[in-house]
C-alpha atoms as a PDB file:
ATOM      1  CA  MET A   1     -70.743  40.420   6.135  1.00  0.00           C
ATOM      2  CA  SER A   2     -72.558  43.807   7.454  1.00  0.00           C
ATOM      3  CA  LYS A   3     -71.663  43.754  10.836  1.00  0.00           C
ATOM      4  CA  ASN A   4     -74.837  44.915  13.397  1.00  0.00           C
ATOM      5  CA  ILE A   5     -76.762  47.127  10.956  1.00  0.00           C
ATOM      6  CA  PRO A   6     -80.494  46.829  10.875  1.00  0.00           C
ATOM      7  CA  LEU A   7     -82.117  46.448   7.960  1.00  0.00           C
ATOM      8  CA  ARG A   8     -85.295  48.665   7.994  1.00  0.00           C
ATOM      9  CA  THR A   9     -88.658  47.457   7.880  1.00  0.00           C
ATOM     10  CA  GLU A  10     -91.337  49.407   5.438  1.00  0.00           C
ATOM     11  CA  ALA A  11     -93.113  50.314   8.464  1.00  0.00           C
ATOM     12  CA  GLU A  12     -89.811  51.900   9.621  1.00  0.00           C
ATOM     13  CA  LEU A  13     -89.061  53.564   6.235  1.00  0.00           C
ATOM     14  CA  GLU A  14     -92.524  55.675   6.191  1.00  0.00           C
ATOM     15  CA  LYS A  15     -91.384  57.229   9.578  1.00  0.00           C
ATOM     16  CA  ILE A  16     -87.901  58.057   8.293  1.00  0.00           C
ATOM     17  CA  ARG A  17     -89.369  58.987   5.334  1.00  0.00           C
ATOM     18  CA  ILE A  18     -92.039  61.823   7.308  1.00  0.00           C
ATOM     19  CA  ALA A  19     -88.555  62.908   9.615  1.00  0.00           C
ATOM     20  CA  CYS A  20     -86.095  63.169   6.517  1.00  0.00           C
ATOM     21  CA  LYS A  21     -88.846  65.384   4.552  1.00  0.00           C
ATOM     22  CA  LEU A  22     -88.951  67.630   7.584  1.00  0.00           C
ATOM     23  CA  ALA A  23     -85.268  68.207   7.536  1.00  0.00           C
ATOM     24  CA  SER A  24     -85.057  69.166   4.156  1.00  0.00           C
ATOM     25  CA  ASP A  25     -87.766  71.458   4.588  1.00  0.00           C
ATOM     26  CA  VAL A  26     -86.051  73.002   7.115  1.00  0.00           C
ATOM     27  CA  LEU A  27     -82.830  73.895   4.885  1.00  0.00           C
ATOM     28  CA  VAL A  28     -85.664  74.872   2.056  1.00  0.00           C
ATOM     29  CA  MET A  29     -87.130  77.056   4.747  1.00  0.00           C
ATOM     30  CA  ILE A  30     -84.340  78.852   5.372  1.00  0.00           C
ATOM     31  CA  GLU A  31     -82.694  79.654   2.409  1.00  0.00           C
ATOM     32  CA  GLU A  32     -84.147  82.852   2.329  1.00  0.00           C
ATOM     33  CA  HIS A  33     -82.524  83.946   5.852  1.00  0.00           C
ATOM     34  CA  VAL A  34     -79.531  83.759   4.802  1.00  0.00           C
ATOM     35  CA  LYS A  35     -78.175  87.239   3.781  1.00  0.00           C
ATOM     36  CA  GLU A  36     -75.447  89.488   5.022  1.00  0.00           C
ATOM     37  CA  GLY A  37     -75.867  91.301   8.318  1.00  0.00           C
ATOM     38  CA  VAL A  38     -78.034  87.849  10.029  1.00  0.00           C
ATOM     39  CA  THR A  39     -76.482  86.209  12.706  1.00  0.00           C
ATOM     40  CA  THR A  40     -75.367  82.506  12.736  1.00  0.00           C
ATOM     41  CA  GLY A  41     -77.366  82.550  15.943  1.00  0.00           C
ATOM     42  CA  GLU A  42     -80.431  84.018  14.450  1.00  0.00           C
ATOM     43  CA  LEU A  43     -80.592  81.463  11.702  1.00  0.00           C
ATOM     44  CA  ASP A  44     -80.940  78.905  14.439  1.00  0.00           C
ATOM     45  CA  ARG A  45     -82.833  80.461  16.084  1.00  0.00           C
ATOM     46  CA  ILE A  46     -85.254  80.781  13.483  1.00  0.00           C
ATOM     47  CA  CYS A  47     -84.616  76.676  13.162  1.00  0.00           C
ATOM     48  CA  HIS A  48     -85.686  75.757  16.136  1.00  0.00           C
ATOM     49  CA  ASP A  49     -89.018  77.577  16.135  1.00  0.00           C
ATOM     50  CA  TYR A  50     -89.489  76.165  12.947  1.00  0.00           C
ATOM     51  CA  ILE A  51     -88.589  72.887  13.813  1.00  0.00           C
ATOM     52  CA  VAL A  52     -90.748  73.108  17.358  1.00  0.00           C
ATOM     53  CA  ASN A  53     -93.461  74.771  16.476  1.00  0.00           C
ATOM     54  CA  VAL A  54     -94.533  74.709  12.762  1.00  0.00           C
ATOM     55  CA  GLN A  55     -93.574  70.412  12.401  1.00  0.00           C
ATOM     56  CA  LYS A  56     -93.836  69.782  15.654  1.00  0.00           C
ATOM     57  CA  ALA A  57     -90.840  67.772  15.792  1.00  0.00           C
ATOM     58  CA  ILE A  58     -87.709  67.686  18.038  1.00  0.00           C
ATOM     59  CA  PRO A  59     -84.217  69.437  17.074  1.00  0.00           C
ATOM     60  CA  ALA A  60     -81.765  65.967  17.601  1.00  0.00           C
ATOM     61  CA  ASN A  61     -79.102  68.609  18.035  1.00  0.00           C
ATOM     62  CA  VAL A  62     -79.818  70.438  20.872  1.00  0.00           C
ATOM     63  CA  GLY A  63     -78.365  68.307  23.988  1.00  0.00           C
ATOM     64  CA  TYR A  64     -76.469  66.003  22.192  1.00  0.00           C
ATOM     65  CA  HIS A  65     -73.368  65.434  23.677  1.00  0.00           C
ATOM     66  CA  GLY A  66     -73.965  68.781  25.419  1.00  0.00           C
ATOM     67  CA  PHE A  67     -73.780  70.228  21.869  1.00  0.00           C
ATOM     68  CA  PRO A  68     -76.370  73.731  22.911  1.00  0.00           C
ATOM     69  CA  LYS A  69     -77.933  74.427  20.161  1.00  0.00           C
ATOM     70  CA  ALA A  70     -80.742  72.901  16.992  1.00  0.00           C
ATOM     71  CA  THR A  71     -78.363  73.389  14.022  1.00  0.00           C
ATOM     72  CA  CYS A  72     -74.512  73.024  13.356  1.00  0.00           C
ATOM     73  CA  ILE A  73     -73.547  76.040  10.770  1.00  0.00           C
ATOM     74  CA  SER A  74     -70.074  75.866   9.652  1.00  0.00           C
ATOM     75  CA  LEU A  75     -68.114  78.919   8.334  1.00  0.00           C
ATOM     76  CA  ASN A  76     -65.508  79.765   5.916  1.00  0.00           C
ATOM     77  CA  GLU A  77     -62.813  77.241   7.202  1.00  0.00           C
ATOM     78  CA  VAL A  78     -64.981  75.668  10.001  1.00  0.00           C
ATOM     79  CA  VAL A  79     -65.618  72.147   8.704  1.00  0.00           C
ATOM     80  CA  CYS A  80     -67.867  70.665  11.022  1.00  0.00           C
ATOM     81  CA  HIS A  81     -69.729  70.890  13.768  1.00  0.00           C
ATOM     82  CA  GLY A  82     -69.857  74.700  14.119  1.00  0.00           C
ATOM     83  CA  ILE A  83     -71.759  76.501  17.121  1.00  0.00           C
ATOM     84  CA  PRO A  84     -73.928  79.090  15.978  1.00  0.00           C
ATOM     85  CA  SER A  85     -73.365  82.483  17.755  1.00  0.00           C
ATOM     86  CA  ASP A  86     -74.957  85.976  17.786  1.00  0.00           C
ATOM     87  CA  ASP A  87     -71.384  86.786  17.389  1.00  0.00           C
ATOM     88  CA  LYS A  88     -70.814  85.954  13.941  1.00  0.00           C
ATOM     89  CA  LYS A  89     -72.588  87.831  11.420  1.00  0.00           C
ATOM     90  CA  LEU A  90     -72.573  86.547   7.947  1.00  0.00           C
ATOM     91  CA  LYS A  91     -70.454  88.740   5.273  1.00  0.00           C
ATOM     92  CA  LYS A  92     -70.823  89.058   1.569  1.00  0.00           C
ATOM     93  CA  GLY A  93     -68.493  86.324  -0.114  1.00  0.00           C
ATOM     94  CA  ASP A  94     -69.166  83.790   3.331  1.00  0.00           C
ATOM     95  CA  ILE A  95     -70.128  80.445   2.714  1.00  0.00           C
ATOM     96  CA  LEU A  96     -71.801  78.455   5.015  1.00  0.00           C
ATOM     97  CA  ASN A  97     -73.182  74.566   5.788  1.00  0.00           C
ATOM     98  CA  LEU A  98     -75.967  74.574   7.327  1.00  0.00           C
ATOM     99  CA  ASP A  99     -76.675  70.568   8.876  1.00  0.00           C
ATOM    100  CA  VAL A 100     -80.240  69.741  10.692  1.00  0.00           C
ATOM    101  CA  THR A 101     -81.336  66.593  11.964  1.00  0.00           C
ATOM    102  CA  VAL A 102     -84.695  66.315  12.987  1.00  0.00           C
ATOM    103  CA  ILE A 103     -87.037  63.622  15.402  1.00  0.00           C
ATOM    104  CA  LYS A 104     -90.363  62.555  14.504  1.00  0.00           C
ATOM    105  CA  ASP A 105     -92.141  60.024  16.236  1.00  0.00           C
ATOM    106  CA  GLY A 106     -88.857  58.869  16.973  1.00  0.00           C
ATOM    107  CA  TYR A 107     -86.819  58.602  13.645  1.00  0.00           C
ATOM    108  CA  TYR A 108     -84.231  60.902  12.368  1.00  0.00           C
ATOM    109  CA  GLY A 109     -83.846  62.458   9.329  1.00  0.00           C
ATOM    110  CA  ASP A 110     -80.338  64.479   8.838  1.00  0.00           C
ATOM    111  CA  ASN A 111     -79.197  66.565   6.267  1.00  0.00           C
ATOM    112  CA  SER A 112     -76.868  69.663   5.239  1.00  0.00           C
ATOM    113  CA  LYS A 113     -76.374  71.858   2.483  1.00  0.00           C
ATOM    114  CA  MET A 114     -74.191  74.983   1.299  1.00  0.00           C
ATOM    115  CA  TYR A 115     -75.655  78.302   1.433  1.00  0.00           C
ATOM    116  CA  ILE A 116     -73.527  81.485  -0.471  1.00  0.00           C
ATOM    117  CA  VAL A 117     -73.778  84.715   0.863  1.00  0.00           C
ATOM    118  CA  GLY A 118     -74.101  87.413  -2.017  1.00  0.00           C
ATOM    119  CA  GLU A 119     -71.166  86.475  -4.654  1.00  0.00           C
ATOM    120  CA  THR A 120     -68.350  84.274  -3.065  1.00  0.00           C
ATOM    121  CA  ASN A 121     -64.740  83.753  -4.870  1.00  0.00           C
ATOM    122  CA  VAL A 122     -63.989  81.706  -7.631  1.00  0.00           C
ATOM    123  CA  ARG A 123     -62.145  78.906  -5.897  1.00  0.00           C
ATOM    124  CA  SER A 124     -65.158  78.980  -3.054  1.00  0.00           C
ATOM    125  CA  LYS A 125     -67.876  79.239  -5.481  1.00  0.00           C
ATOM    126  CA  ARG A 126     -66.105  75.874  -7.763  1.00  0.00           C
ATOM    127  CA  LEU A 127     -65.255  74.516  -3.467  1.00  0.00           C
ATOM    128  CA  CYS A 128     -69.167  74.368  -3.118  1.00  0.00           C
ATOM    129  CA  GLU A 129     -69.869  72.474  -6.446  1.00  0.00           C
ATOM    130  CA  VAL A 130     -67.932  69.802  -6.191  1.00  0.00           C
ATOM    131  CA  THR A 131     -68.658  68.984  -2.980  1.00  0.00           C
ATOM    132  CA  GLN A 132     -72.028  68.737  -3.979  1.00  0.00           C
ATOM    133  CA  GLU A 133     -71.352  66.828  -6.999  1.00  0.00           C
ATOM    134  CA  ALA A 134     -69.179  64.415  -4.669  1.00  0.00           C
ATOM    135  CA  LEU A 135     -72.335  63.432  -3.040  1.00  0.00           C
ATOM    136  CA  TYR A 136     -74.010  62.610  -5.989  1.00  0.00           C
ATOM    137  CA  VAL A 137     -70.870  60.594  -7.127  1.00  0.00           C
ATOM    138  CA  GLY A 138     -70.856  58.728  -4.051  1.00  0.00           C
ATOM    139  CA  ILE A 139     -75.473  58.218  -3.513  1.00  0.00           C
ATOM    140  CA  ARG A 140     -74.516  56.839  -7.521  1.00  0.00           C
ATOM    141  CA  GLN A 141     -72.447  54.018  -5.993  1.00  0.00           C
ATOM    142  CA  VAL A 142     -75.121  52.296  -4.128  1.00  0.00           C
ATOM    143  CA  LYS A 143     -77.237  49.700  -4.076  1.00  0.00           C
ATOM    144  CA  ALA A 144     -77.021  46.541  -2.828  1.00  0.00           C
ATOM    145  CA  GLY A 145     -74.555  43.762  -3.185  1.00  0.00           C
ATOM    146  CA  VAL A 146     -72.089  46.688  -3.459  1.00  0.00           C
ATOM    147  CA  ARG A 147     -69.105  47.058  -0.734  1.00  0.00           C
ATOM    148  CA  LEU A 148     -69.141  49.652   1.402  1.00  0.00           C
ATOM    149  CA  LYS A 149     -66.058  51.545   0.433  1.00  0.00           C
ATOM    150  CA  GLU A 150     -67.002  52.048  -2.976  1.00  0.00           C
ATOM    151  CA  ILE A 151     -68.719  54.860  -1.715  1.00  0.00           C
ATOM    152  CA  GLY A 152     -65.774  56.759  -0.349  1.00  0.00           C
ATOM    153  CA  LYS A 153     -63.504  55.260  -3.353  1.00  0.00           C
ATOM    154  CA  ALA A 154     -65.560  57.094  -5.620  1.00  0.00           C
ATOM    155  CA  ILE A 155     -66.002  60.348  -3.485  1.00  0.00           C
ATOM    156  CA  GLN A 156     -61.622  61.112  -3.283  1.00  0.00           C
ATOM    157  CA  GLN A 157     -61.293  59.959  -6.501  1.00  0.00           C
ATOM    158  CA  TYR A 158     -63.350  62.616  -7.921  1.00  0.00           C
ATOM    159  CA  VAL A 159     -63.229  65.278  -4.939  1.00  0.00           C
ATOM    160  CA  GLU A 160     -59.033  64.691  -5.922  1.00  0.00           C
ATOM    161  CA  LYS A 161     -59.378  65.035  -9.380  1.00  0.00           C
ATOM    162  CA  GLU A 162     -60.956  68.500  -9.007  1.00  0.00           C
ATOM    163  CA  GLY A 163     -57.852  69.893  -6.892  1.00  0.00           C
ATOM    164  CA  PHE A 164     -59.700  69.444  -3.560  1.00  0.00           C
ATOM    165  CA  SER A 165     -59.374  67.198  -0.437  1.00  0.00           C
ATOM    166  CA  VAL A 166     -61.482  65.181   1.380  1.00  0.00           C
ATOM    167  CA  VAL A 167     -61.105  64.877   5.117  1.00  0.00           C
ATOM    168  CA  ARG A 168     -60.736  61.809   7.110  1.00  0.00           C
ATOM    169  CA  GLU A 169     -61.714  62.279  10.389  1.00  0.00           C
ATOM    170  CA  TYR A 170     -65.265  62.648  10.229  1.00  0.00           C
ATOM    171  CA  CYS A 171     -67.834  60.238   7.964  1.00  0.00           C
ATOM    172  CA  GLY A 172     -71.274  59.153   7.417  1.00  0.00           C
ATOM    173  CA  HIS A 173     -73.474  56.771   9.534  1.00  0.00           C
ATOM    174  CA  GLY A 174     -76.693  54.473   9.961  1.00  0.00           C
ATOM    175  CA  ILE A 175     -79.216  56.116  11.461  1.00  0.00           C
ATOM    176  CA  GLY A 176     -82.785  54.797  11.848  1.00  0.00           C
ATOM    177  CA  ASP A 177     -84.679  55.365  15.464  1.00  0.00           C
ATOM    178  CA  GLN A 178     -80.671  56.379  16.990  1.00  0.00           C
ATOM    179  CA  TYR A 179     -78.843  59.619  15.557  1.00  0.00           C
ATOM    180  CA  HIS A 180     -75.102  57.515  15.155  1.00  0.00           C
ATOM    181  CA  ILE A 181     -74.775  53.467  14.538  1.00  0.00           C
ATOM    182  CA  ASP A 182     -73.421  51.547  12.429  1.00  0.00           C
ATOM    183  CA  PRO A 183     -72.280  51.301   9.376  1.00  0.00           C
ATOM    184  CA  GLN A 184     -69.168  53.725   9.276  1.00  0.00           C
ATOM    185  CA  VAL A 185     -69.418  55.883   5.332  1.00  0.00           C
ATOM    186  CA  LEU A 186     -65.675  56.966   5.237  1.00  0.00           C
ATOM    187  CA  HIS A 187     -65.902  59.270   2.346  1.00  0.00           C
ATOM    188  CA  TYR A 188     -62.465  57.998   1.281  1.00  0.00           C
ATOM    189  CA  ASN A 189     -60.762  54.531   0.079  1.00  0.00           C
ATOM    190  CA  ALA A 190     -60.374  52.782   3.277  1.00  0.00           C
ATOM    191  CA  ASP A 191     -60.679  49.170   4.539  1.00  0.00           C
ATOM    192  CA  ASP A 192     -64.729  48.858   5.232  1.00  0.00           C
ATOM    193  CA  GLY A 193     -64.318  45.988   7.075  1.00  0.00           C
ATOM    194  CA  GLY A 194     -65.892  43.553   4.734  1.00  0.00           C
ATOM    195  CA  VAL A 195     -69.447  45.510   5.197  1.00  0.00           C
ATOM    196  CA  VAL A 196     -71.305  44.830   1.578  1.00  0.00           C
ATOM    197  CA  LEU A 197     -74.250  46.404   0.893  1.00  0.00           C
ATOM    198  CA  GLN A 198     -78.100  44.881   1.770  1.00  0.00           C
ATOM    199  CA  GLU A 199     -81.597  46.614   0.972  1.00  0.00           C
ATOM    200  CA  GLY A 200     -83.235  48.190   3.575  1.00  0.00           C
ATOM    201  CA  MET A 201     -79.588  49.759   5.614  1.00  0.00           C
ATOM    202  CA  VAL A 202     -80.028  53.504   6.431  1.00  0.00           C
ATOM    203  CA  PHE A 203     -77.461  55.771   6.229  1.00  0.00           C
ATOM    204  CA  THR A 204     -76.265  59.390   5.159  1.00  0.00           C
ATOM    205  CA  ILE A 205     -73.505  59.984   2.957  1.00  0.00           C
ATOM    206  CA  GLU A 206     -71.752  63.498   3.845  1.00  0.00           C
ATOM    207  CA  PRO A 207     -68.460  64.714   2.246  1.00  0.00           C
ATOM    208  CA  MET A 208     -66.516  67.505   3.932  1.00  0.00           C
ATOM    209  CA  VAL A 209     -63.917  68.694   1.285  1.00  0.00           C
ATOM    210  CA  ASN A 210     -61.213  71.254   1.906  1.00  0.00           C
ATOM    211  CA  ALA A 211     -60.023  73.645  -1.151  1.00  0.00           C
ATOM    212  CA  GLY A 212     -56.852  73.415   0.610  1.00  0.00           C
ATOM    213  CA  LYS A 213     -54.933  70.501   2.693  1.00  0.00           C
ATOM    214  CA  LYS A 214     -56.866  67.884   4.187  1.00  0.00           C
ATOM    215  CA  GLU A 215     -55.403  68.013   7.316  1.00  0.00           C
ATOM    216  CA  ILE A 216     -57.871  70.088  10.516  1.00  0.00           C
ATOM    217  CA  ARG A 217     -57.524  71.345  14.509  1.00  0.00           C
ATOM    218  CA  ASN A 218     -59.932  71.114  17.023  1.00  0.00           C
ATOM    219  CA  MET A 219     -60.844  74.462  18.797  1.00  0.00           C
ATOM    220  CA  ALA A 220     -61.308  75.202  22.375  1.00  0.00           C
ATOM    221  CA  ASP A 221     -64.945  74.709  22.813  1.00  0.00           C
ATOM    222  CA  GLY A 222     -64.394  70.697  22.094  1.00  0.00           C
ATOM    223  CA  TRP A 223     -66.978  70.916  19.020  1.00  0.00           C
ATOM    224  CA  THR A 224     -65.915  73.719  16.090  1.00  0.00           C
ATOM    225  CA  VAL A 225     -63.747  71.831  13.906  1.00  0.00           C
ATOM    226  CA  LYS A 226     -61.683  74.555  11.433  1.00  0.00           C
ATOM    227  CA  THR A 227     -59.182  73.511   8.261  1.00  0.00           C
ATOM    228  CA  LYS A 228     -55.612  73.075   9.174  1.00  0.00           C
ATOM    229  CA  ASP A 229     -54.464  75.712   6.577  1.00  0.00           C
ATOM    230  CA  ARG A 230     -57.453  78.107   6.637  1.00  0.00           C
ATOM    231  CA  SER A 231     -58.548  77.325   3.733  1.00  0.00           C
ATOM    232  CA  HIS A 232     -62.352  76.974   2.916  1.00  0.00           C
ATOM    233  CA  SER A 233     -64.632  73.951   3.531  1.00  0.00           C
ATOM    234  CA  ALA A 234     -67.440  72.504   2.631  1.00  0.00           C
ATOM    235  CA  GLN A 235     -69.849  69.655   3.272  1.00  0.00           C
ATOM    236  CA  TYR A 236     -73.206  68.114   1.693  1.00  0.00           C
ATOM    237  CA  GLU A 237     -75.016  65.444   3.160  1.00  0.00           C
ATOM    238  CA  HIS A 238     -78.443  62.999   2.393  1.00  0.00           C
ATOM    239  CA  GLU A 239     -79.899  60.404   4.256  1.00  0.00           C
ATOM    240  CA  ILE A 240     -80.460  57.226   2.055  1.00  0.00           C
ATOM    241  CA  VAL A 241     -81.935  53.611   2.328  1.00  0.00           C
ATOM    242  CA  VAL A 242     -80.388  50.747   0.150  1.00  0.00           C
ATOM    243  CA  THR A 243     -82.654  49.177  -2.713  1.00  0.00           C
ATOM    244  CA  GLN A 244     -81.936  45.985  -4.506  1.00  0.00           C
ATOM    245  CA  ASP A 245     -80.991  48.350  -8.062  1.00  0.00           C
ATOM    246  CA  GLY A 246     -80.031  51.553  -6.544  1.00  0.00           C
ATOM    247  CA  CYS A 247     -80.863  53.581  -2.982  1.00  0.00           C
ATOM    248  CA  GLU A 248     -83.498  56.141  -2.617  1.00  0.00           C
ATOM    249  CA  VAL A 249     -82.892  59.900  -1.472  1.00  0.00           C
ATOM    250  CA  MET A 250     -84.983  60.301   1.358  1.00  0.00           C
ATOM    251  CA  THR A 251     -83.835  64.256   2.237  1.00  0.00           C
ATOM    252  CA  ILE A 252     -83.951  65.076  -1.501  1.00  0.00           C
ATOM    253  CA  ARG A 253     -84.999  68.806  -2.434  1.00  0.00           C
ATOM    254  CA  ASP A 254     -86.743  70.084  -5.125  1.00  0.00           C
ATOM    255  CA  GLU A 255     -84.164  72.333  -6.265  1.00  0.00           C
ATOM    256  CA  GLU A 256     -82.563  69.094  -6.815  1.00  0.00           C
ATOM    257  CA  ILE A 257     -84.734  67.334  -8.153  1.00  0.00           C
ATOM    258  CA  ALA A 258     -85.370  69.990 -10.653  1.00  0.00           C
ATOM    259  CA  GLU A 259     -81.623  69.910 -12.140  1.00  0.00           C
ATOM    260  CA  GLY A 260     -81.593  66.336 -12.555  1.00  0.00           C
ATOM    261  CA  ARG A 261     -78.506  65.022 -12.045  1.00  0.00           C
ATOM    262  CA  ILE A 262     -79.918  62.756  -8.961  1.00  0.00           C
ATOM    263  CA  SER A 263     -83.441  61.697  -8.313  1.00  0.00           C
ATOM    264  CA  ARG A 264     -85.551  60.385  -5.282  1.00  0.00           C
ATOM    265  CA  ILE A 265     -85.524  57.289  -6.878  1.00  0.00           C
ATOM    266  CA  MET A 266     -81.851  56.206  -7.971  1.00  0.00           C
ATOM    267  CA  LYS A 267     -81.561  53.019  -9.995  1.00  0.00           C
ATOM    268  CA  ASN A 268     -77.203  52.390  -9.946  1.00  0.00           C
ATOM    269  CA  LEU A 269     -76.779  50.390 -13.410  1.00  0.00           C
ATOM    270  CA  VAL A 270     -72.784  50.618 -12.435  1.00  0.00           C
END
């Protein structure tokens, strides 16, 4: 079973790859600006300007269901959908997720990563490391013929073994010429409706991991989500396409290729 999940043609994939490269370039570009004293509002303006004026692309988040900014910037105990603000100055020890989606020629590139302001405490540093590896654990499950649920099952097992928890309320998603479509990619062991991965499926994997318990709370602004116990939270995200024997990580960054834990073309022999 594969529900109504589109299988992308090579022509579509070429356009998606371009959008994904732009999205990953934003995360690389902004790194040098993430430092003590800078506001999340300023980081967002830098990203917005870069997407529009340098990349000649569209920031997908602006106006999406009323979201006011180009990026989601989620600081410390914010799990996701943090709204950038000139009131939020970065402090030494902060951890933050920057989530950016770019539209180019009608196709979407979506990714996110964590940044640390200076040095942080041991637990928050470890949280970021485990969350990044959790994303890679999920990516390593992907190939045609595998059940969708194997991704979340592997992520949950790894995260909980490391002493952290996986947020349940938010998931990865199909993407391409639309922002959010099927499949829903859960990051824990759950029913997947019988979906079997097929070559040409494009979706994100984006585990949200809490240092404390998995429960969350929604803020009054209608967007910001925080951990219920006020523990820190982390997230990493890549956009991938399923191949016959693995996947292509379309938002991979050079820093990750250099580390060697994943590659652009993954051959998953499990």
